[in-house]
């Protein structure tokens, strides 16, 4: 049996994820613009982050706002 996931909590900004940052919102919006199917949107976002997002694991992160 799968536990239900609260998507609002999973997608909310946190210490390590700036999901509300304008740059993040612009990036994700441009990736899924015009796509209505939820699974397709997820796939597009996964591929875009995998292929385009810059990850710097050794950088010290902190919220800018």
PDB file of N, CA and C in Angstrom:
ATOM      1  N   UNK A   1       0.832  -1.180   0.000  1.00  0.00           N
ATOM      2  CA  UNK A   1       0.000   0.000   0.000  1.00  0.00           C
ATOM      3  C   UNK A   1       0.882   1.250   0.000  1.00  0.00           C
ATOM      4  N   UNK A   2       0.576   2.179  -0.899  1.00  0.00           N
ATOM      5  CA  UNK A   2       1.359   3.414  -0.990  1.00  0.00           C
ATOM      6  C   UNK A   2       0.820   4.478  -0.056  1.00  0.00           C
ATOM      7  N   UNK A   3       1.722   5.169   0.597  1.00  0.00           N
ATOM      8  CA  UNK A   3       1.314   6.317   1.400  1.00  0.00           C
ATOM      9  C   UNK A   3       1.025   7.470   0.454  1.00  0.00           C
ATOM     10  N   UNK A   4       0.032   8.245   0.785  1.00  0.00           N
ATOM     11  CA  UNK A   4      -0.287   9.421  -0.015  1.00  0.00           C
ATOM     12  C   UNK A   4       0.761  10.498   0.248  1.00  0.00           C
ATOM     13  N   UNK A   5       1.176  11.170  -0.796  1.00  0.00           N
ATOM     14  CA  UNK A   5       2.174  12.231  -0.692  1.00  0.00           C
ATOM     15  C   UNK A   5       1.456  13.570  -0.796  1.00  0.00           C
ATOM     16  N   UNK A   6       1.735  14.459   0.127  1.00  0.00           N
ATOM     17  CA  UNK A   6       1.193  15.813   0.059  1.00  0.00           C
ATOM     18  C   UNK A   6       2.095  16.598  -0.888  1.00  0.00           C
ATOM     19  N   UNK A   7       1.622  16.830  -2.116  1.00  0.00           N
ATOM     20  CA  UNK A   7       2.447  17.504  -3.114  1.00  0.00           C
ATOM     21  C   UNK A   7       2.813  18.917  -2.700  1.00  0.00           C
ATOM     22  N   UNK A   8       1.935  19.594  -1.983  1.00  0.00           N
ATOM     23  CA  UNK A   8       2.276  20.949  -1.535  1.00  0.00           C
ATOM     24  C   UNK A   8       3.502  20.924  -0.636  1.00  0.00           C
ATOM     25  N   UNK A   9       3.559  19.933   0.241  1.00  0.00           N
ATOM     26  CA  UNK A   9       4.712  19.816   1.130  1.00  0.00           C
ATOM     27  C   UNK A   9       5.964  19.405   0.355  1.00  0.00           C
ATOM     28  N   UNK A  10       5.807  18.467  -0.586  1.00  0.00           N
ATOM     29  CA  UNK A  10       6.943  17.976  -1.355  1.00  0.00           C
ATOM     30  C   UNK A  10       7.534  19.052  -2.259  1.00  0.00           C
ATOM     31  N   UNK A  11       6.707  19.967  -2.744  1.00  0.00           N
ATOM     32  CA  UNK A  11       7.163  20.995  -3.676  1.00  0.00           C
ATOM     33  C   UNK A  11       7.441  22.342  -3.011  1.00  0.00           C
ATOM     34  N   UNK A  12       7.214  22.417  -1.729  1.00  0.00           N
ATOM     35  CA  UNK A  12       7.405  23.679  -1.006  1.00  0.00           C
ATOM     36  C   UNK A  12       8.886  24.038  -0.907  1.00  0.00           C
ATOM     37  N   UNK A  13       9.187  25.327  -0.885  1.00  0.00           N
ATOM     38  CA  UNK A  13      10.571  25.749  -0.689  1.00  0.00           C
ATOM     39  C   UNK A  13      11.101  25.198   0.632  1.00  0.00           C
ATOM     40  N   UNK A  14      12.384  24.893   0.633  1.00  0.00           N
ATOM     41  CA  UNK A  14      13.007  24.368   1.841  1.00  0.00           C
ATOM     42  C   UNK A  14      14.433  24.885   1.944  1.00  0.00           C
ATOM     43  N   UNK A  15      15.146  24.375   2.900  1.00  0.00           N
ATOM     44  CA  UNK A  15      16.527  24.817   3.123  1.00  0.00           C
ATOM     45  C   UNK A  15      17.400  24.613   1.884  1.00  0.00           C
ATOM     46  N   UNK A  16      17.171  23.533   1.146  1.00  0.00           N
ATOM     47  CA  UNK A  16      18.023  23.202   0.003  1.00  0.00           C
ATOM     48  C   UNK A  16      17.350  23.392  -1.348  1.00  0.00           C
ATOM     49  N   UNK A  17      16.073  23.707  -1.363  1.00  0.00           N
ATOM     50  CA  UNK A  17      15.333  23.832  -2.622  1.00  0.00           C
ATOM     51  C   UNK A  17      14.624  25.179  -2.659  1.00  0.00           C
ATOM     52  N   UNK A  18      15.000  26.010  -3.608  1.00  0.00           N
ATOM     53  CA  UNK A  18      14.377  27.325  -3.773  1.00  0.00           C
ATOM     54  C   UNK A  18      13.291  27.245  -4.846  1.00  0.00           C
ATOM     55  N   UNK A  19      12.290  26.408  -4.619  1.00  0.00           N
ATOM     56  CA  UNK A  19      11.259  26.196  -5.634  1.00  0.00           C
ATOM     57  C   UNK A  19      10.424  27.442  -5.900  1.00  0.00           C
ATOM     58  N   UNK A  20      10.487  28.427  -5.026  1.00  0.00           N
ATOM     59  CA  UNK A  20       9.739  29.660  -5.246  1.00  0.00           C
ATOM     60  C   UNK A  20      10.596  30.776  -5.843  1.00  0.00           C
ATOM     61  N   UNK A  21      11.861  30.502  -6.111  1.00  0.00           N
ATOM     62  CA  UNK A  21      12.748  31.512  -6.690  1.00  0.00           C
ATOM     63  C   UNK A  21      12.305  31.811  -8.122  1.00  0.00           C
ATOM     64  N   UNK A  22      12.286  33.080  -8.531  1.00  0.00           N
ATOM     65  CA  UNK A  22      11.842  33.428  -9.883  1.00  0.00           C
ATOM     66  C   UNK A  22      12.588  32.682 -10.995  1.00  0.00           C
ATOM     67  N   UNK A  23      13.878  32.470 -10.840  1.00  0.00           N
ATOM     68  CA  UNK A  23      14.637  31.753 -11.871  1.00  0.00           C
ATOM     69  C   UNK A  23      14.167  30.301 -11.999  1.00  0.00           C
ATOM     70  N   UNK A  24      13.889  29.674 -10.865  1.00  0.00           N
ATOM     71  CA  UNK A  24      13.408  28.289 -10.871  1.00  0.00           C
ATOM     72  C   UNK A  24      12.024  28.234 -11.496  1.00  0.00           C
ATOM     73  N   UNK A  25      11.150  29.146 -11.109  1.00  0.00           N
ATOM     74  CA  UNK A  25       9.792  29.173 -11.657  1.00  0.00           C
ATOM     75  C   UNK A  25       9.811  29.458 -13.160  1.00  0.00           C
ATOM     76  N   UNK A  26      10.676  30.361 -13.610  1.00  0.00           N
ATOM     77  CA  UNK A  26      10.790  30.648 -15.045  1.00  0.00           C
ATOM     78  C   UNK A  26      11.278  29.416 -15.809  1.00  0.00           C
ATOM     79  N   UNK A  27      12.294  28.748 -15.266  1.00  0.00           N
ATOM     80  CA  UNK A  27      12.858  27.554 -15.911  1.00  0.00           C
ATOM     81  C   UNK A  27      11.806  26.462 -16.034  1.00  0.00           C
ATOM     82  N   UNK A  28      11.150  26.134 -14.925  1.00  0.00           N
ATOM     83  CA  UNK A  28      10.169  25.056 -14.970  1.00  0.00           C
ATOM     84  C   UNK A  28       8.971  25.430 -15.831  1.00  0.00           C
ATOM     85  N   UNK A  29       8.558  26.685 -15.766  1.00  0.00           N
ATOM     86  CA  UNK A  29       7.441  27.129 -16.596  1.00  0.00           C
ATOM     87  C   UNK A  29       7.742  27.014 -18.072  1.00  0.00           C
ATOM     88  N   UNK A  30       8.975  27.347 -18.461  1.00  0.00           N
ATOM     89  CA  UNK A  30       9.340  27.257 -19.876  1.00  0.00           C
ATOM     90  C   UNK A  30       9.410  25.812 -20.350  1.00  0.00           C
ATOM     91  N   UNK A  31       9.746  24.896 -19.454  1.00  0.00           N
ATOM     92  CA  UNK A  31       9.857  23.477 -19.822  1.00  0.00           C
ATOM     93  C   UNK A  31       8.483  22.854 -20.071  1.00  0.00           C
ATOM     94  N   UNK A  32       7.508  23.207 -19.261  1.00  0.00           N
ATOM     95  CA  UNK A  32       6.198  22.537 -19.350  1.00  0.00           C
ATOM     96  C   UNK A  32       5.107  23.398 -19.986  1.00  0.00           C
ATOM     97  N   UNK A  33       5.465  24.566 -20.495  1.00  0.00           N
ATOM     98  CA  UNK A  33       4.465  25.462 -21.086  1.00  0.00           C
ATOM     99  C   UNK A  33       3.656  24.742 -22.151  1.00  0.00           C
ATOM    100  N   UNK A  34       2.351  24.784 -22.001  1.00  0.00           N
ATOM    101  CA  UNK A  34       1.444  24.200 -22.985  1.00  0.00           C
ATOM    102  C   UNK A  34       1.179  22.716 -22.822  1.00  0.00           C
ATOM    103  N   UNK A  35       1.877  22.060 -21.914  1.00  0.00           N
ATOM    104  CA  UNK A  35       1.705  20.616 -21.713  1.00  0.00           C
ATOM    105  C   UNK A  35       0.735  20.404 -20.548  1.00  0.00           C
ATOM    106  N   UNK A  36      -0.339  19.680 -20.802  1.00  0.00           N
ATOM    107  CA  UNK A  36      -1.364  19.461 -19.787  1.00  0.00           C
ATOM    108  C   UNK A  36      -1.233  18.125 -19.067  1.00  0.00           C
ATOM    109  N   UNK A  37      -0.727  17.109 -19.764  1.00  0.00           N
ATOM    110  CA  UNK A  37      -0.642  15.772 -19.179  1.00  0.00           C
ATOM    111  C   UNK A  37       0.380  15.750 -18.038  1.00  0.00           C
ATOM    112  N   UNK A  38      -0.064  15.320 -16.867  1.00  0.00           N
ATOM    113  CA  UNK A  38       0.786  15.346 -15.664  1.00  0.00           C
ATOM    114  C   UNK A  38       2.042  14.488 -15.825  1.00  0.00           C
ATOM    115  N   UNK A  39       1.888  13.292 -16.346  1.00  0.00           N
ATOM    116  CA  UNK A  39       3.058  12.412 -16.514  1.00  0.00           C
ATOM    117  C   UNK A  39       4.052  12.987 -17.513  1.00  0.00           C
ATOM    118  N   UNK A  40       3.553  13.576 -18.560  1.00  0.00           N
ATOM    119  CA  UNK A  40       4.442  14.187 -19.550  1.00  0.00           C
ATOM    120  C   UNK A  40       5.197  15.364 -18.939  1.00  0.00           C
ATOM    121  N   UNK A  41       4.509  16.164 -18.137  1.00  0.00           N
ATOM    122  CA  UNK A  41       5.160  17.296 -17.465  1.00  0.00           C
ATOM    123  C   UNK A  41       6.278  16.807 -16.544  1.00  0.00           C
ATOM    124  N   UNK A  42       5.986  15.738 -15.795  1.00  0.00           N
ATOM    125  CA  UNK A  42       6.994  15.179 -14.890  1.00  0.00           C
ATOM    126  C   UNK A  42       8.215  14.715 -15.680  1.00  0.00           C
ATOM    127  N   UNK A  43       7.978  14.004 -16.771  1.00  0.00           N
ATOM    128  CA  UNK A  43       9.088  13.521 -17.600  1.00  0.00           C
ATOM    129  C   UNK A  43       9.909  14.655 -18.177  1.00  0.00           C
ATOM    130  N   UNK A  44       9.229  15.685 -18.653  1.00  0.00           N
ATOM    131  CA  UNK A  44       9.939  16.835 -19.215  1.00  0.00           C
ATOM    132  C   UNK A  44      10.773  17.548 -18.152  1.00  0.00           C
ATOM    133  N   UNK A  45      10.200  17.719 -16.974  1.00  0.00           N
ATOM    134  CA  UNK A  45      10.944  18.374 -15.895  1.00  0.00           C
ATOM    135  C   UNK A  45      12.142  17.543 -15.447  1.00  0.00           C
ATOM    136  N   UNK A  46      11.941  16.228 -15.333  1.00  0.00           N
ATOM    137  CA  UNK A  46      13.047  15.351 -14.951  1.00  0.00           C
ATOM    138  C   UNK A  46      14.196  15.483 -15.945  1.00  0.00           C
ATOM    139  N   UNK A  47      13.874  15.374 -17.232  1.00  0.00           N
ATOM    140  CA  UNK A  47      14.912  15.438 -18.272  1.00  0.00           C
ATOM    141  C   UNK A  47      15.588  16.803 -18.291  1.00  0.00           C
ATOM    142  N   UNK A  48      14.821  17.877 -18.128  1.00  0.00           N
ATOM    143  CA  UNK A  48      15.401  19.220 -18.156  1.00  0.00           C
ATOM    144  C   UNK A  48      16.349  19.435 -16.988  1.00  0.00           C
ATOM    145  N   UNK A  49      15.949  19.008 -15.811  1.00  0.00           N
ATOM    146  CA  UNK A  49      16.826  19.168 -14.649  1.00  0.00           C
ATOM    147  C   UNK A  49      18.068  18.296 -14.804  1.00  0.00           C
ATOM    148  N   UNK A  50      17.877  17.064 -15.248  1.00  0.00           N
ATOM    149  CA  UNK A  50      19.005  16.155 -15.436  1.00  0.00           C
ATOM    150  C   UNK A  50      20.000  16.719 -16.449  1.00  0.00           C
ATOM    151  N   UNK A  51      19.486  17.286 -17.536  1.00  0.00           N
ATOM    152  CA  UNK A  51      20.342  17.701 -18.641  1.00  0.00           C
ATOM    153  C   UNK A  51      20.815  19.146 -18.575  1.00  0.00           C
ATOM    154  N   UNK A  52      20.083  20.009 -17.871  1.00  0.00           N
ATOM    155  CA  UNK A  52      20.386  21.434 -17.955  1.00  0.00           C
ATOM    156  C   UNK A  52      20.734  22.104 -16.625  1.00  0.00           C
ATOM    157  N   UNK A  53      20.229  21.588 -15.540  1.00  0.00           N
ATOM    158  CA  UNK A  53      20.465  22.263 -14.258  1.00  0.00           C
ATOM    159  C   UNK A  53      21.920  22.139 -13.844  1.00  0.00           C
ATOM    160  N   UNK A  54      22.452  23.224 -13.339  1.00  0.00           N
ATOM    161  CA  UNK A  54      23.822  23.215 -12.858  1.00  0.00           C
ATOM    162  C   UNK A  54      23.830  22.790 -11.395  1.00  0.00           C
ATOM    163  N   UNK A  55      24.541  21.739 -11.117  1.00  0.00           N
ATOM    164  CA  UNK A  55      24.620  21.230  -9.750  1.00  0.00           C
ATOM    165  C   UNK A  55      26.046  21.404  -9.260  1.00  0.00           C
ATOM    166  N   UNK A  56      26.176  22.036  -8.118  1.00  0.00           N
ATOM    167  CA  UNK A  56      27.483  22.260  -7.514  1.00  0.00           C
ATOM    168  C   UNK A  56      27.462  21.665  -6.112  1.00  0.00           C
ATOM    169  N   UNK A  57      27.693  20.352  -5.988  1.00  0.00           N
ATOM    170  CA  UNK A  57      27.525  19.693  -4.692  1.00  0.00           C
ATOM    171  C   UNK A  57      28.481  20.172  -3.608  1.00  0.00           C
ATOM    172  N   UNK A  58      29.586  20.770  -3.967  1.00  0.00           N
ATOM    173  CA  UNK A  58      30.541  21.210  -2.953  1.00  0.00           C
ATOM    174  C   UNK A  58      30.352  22.670  -2.553  1.00  0.00           C
ATOM    175  N   UNK A  59      29.419  23.351  -3.213  1.00  0.00           N
ATOM    176  CA  UNK A  59      29.145  24.744  -2.889  1.00  0.00           C
ATOM    177  C   UNK A  59      28.287  24.819  -1.636  1.00  0.00           C
ATOM    178  N   UNK A  60      28.551  25.787  -0.817  1.00  0.00           N
ATOM    179  CA  UNK A  60      27.719  26.000   0.373  1.00  0.00           C
ATOM    180  C   UNK A  60      26.466  26.730  -0.071  1.00  0.00           C
ATOM    181  N   UNK A  61      25.324  26.180   0.252  1.00  0.00           N
ATOM    182  CA  UNK A  61      24.058  26.757  -0.185  1.00  0.00           C
ATOM    183  C   UNK A  61      23.423  27.556   0.941  1.00  0.00           C
ATOM    184  N   UNK A  62      22.747  28.617   0.535  1.00  0.00           N
ATOM    185  CA  UNK A  62      21.938  29.369   1.475  1.00  0.00           C
ATOM    186  C   UNK A  62      20.887  30.132   0.667  1.00  0.00           C
ATOM    187  N   UNK A  63      19.757  30.307   1.269  1.00  0.00           N
ATOM    188  CA  UNK A  63      18.677  31.024   0.598  1.00  0.00           C
ATOM    189  C   UNK A  63      19.111  32.472   0.397  1.00  0.00           C
ATOM    190  N   UNK A  64      18.750  33.019  -0.746  1.00  0.00           N
ATOM    191  CA  UNK A  64      19.137  34.396  -1.054  1.00  0.00           C
ATOM    192  C   UNK A  64      18.076  35.401  -0.650  1.00  0.00           C
ATOM    193  N   UNK A  65      16.942  34.918  -0.213  1.00  0.00           N
ATOM    194  CA  UNK A  65      15.882  35.834   0.193  1.00  0.00           C
ATOM    195  C   UNK A  65      15.487  35.594   1.612  1.00  0.00           C
TER     196      UNK A  65
END
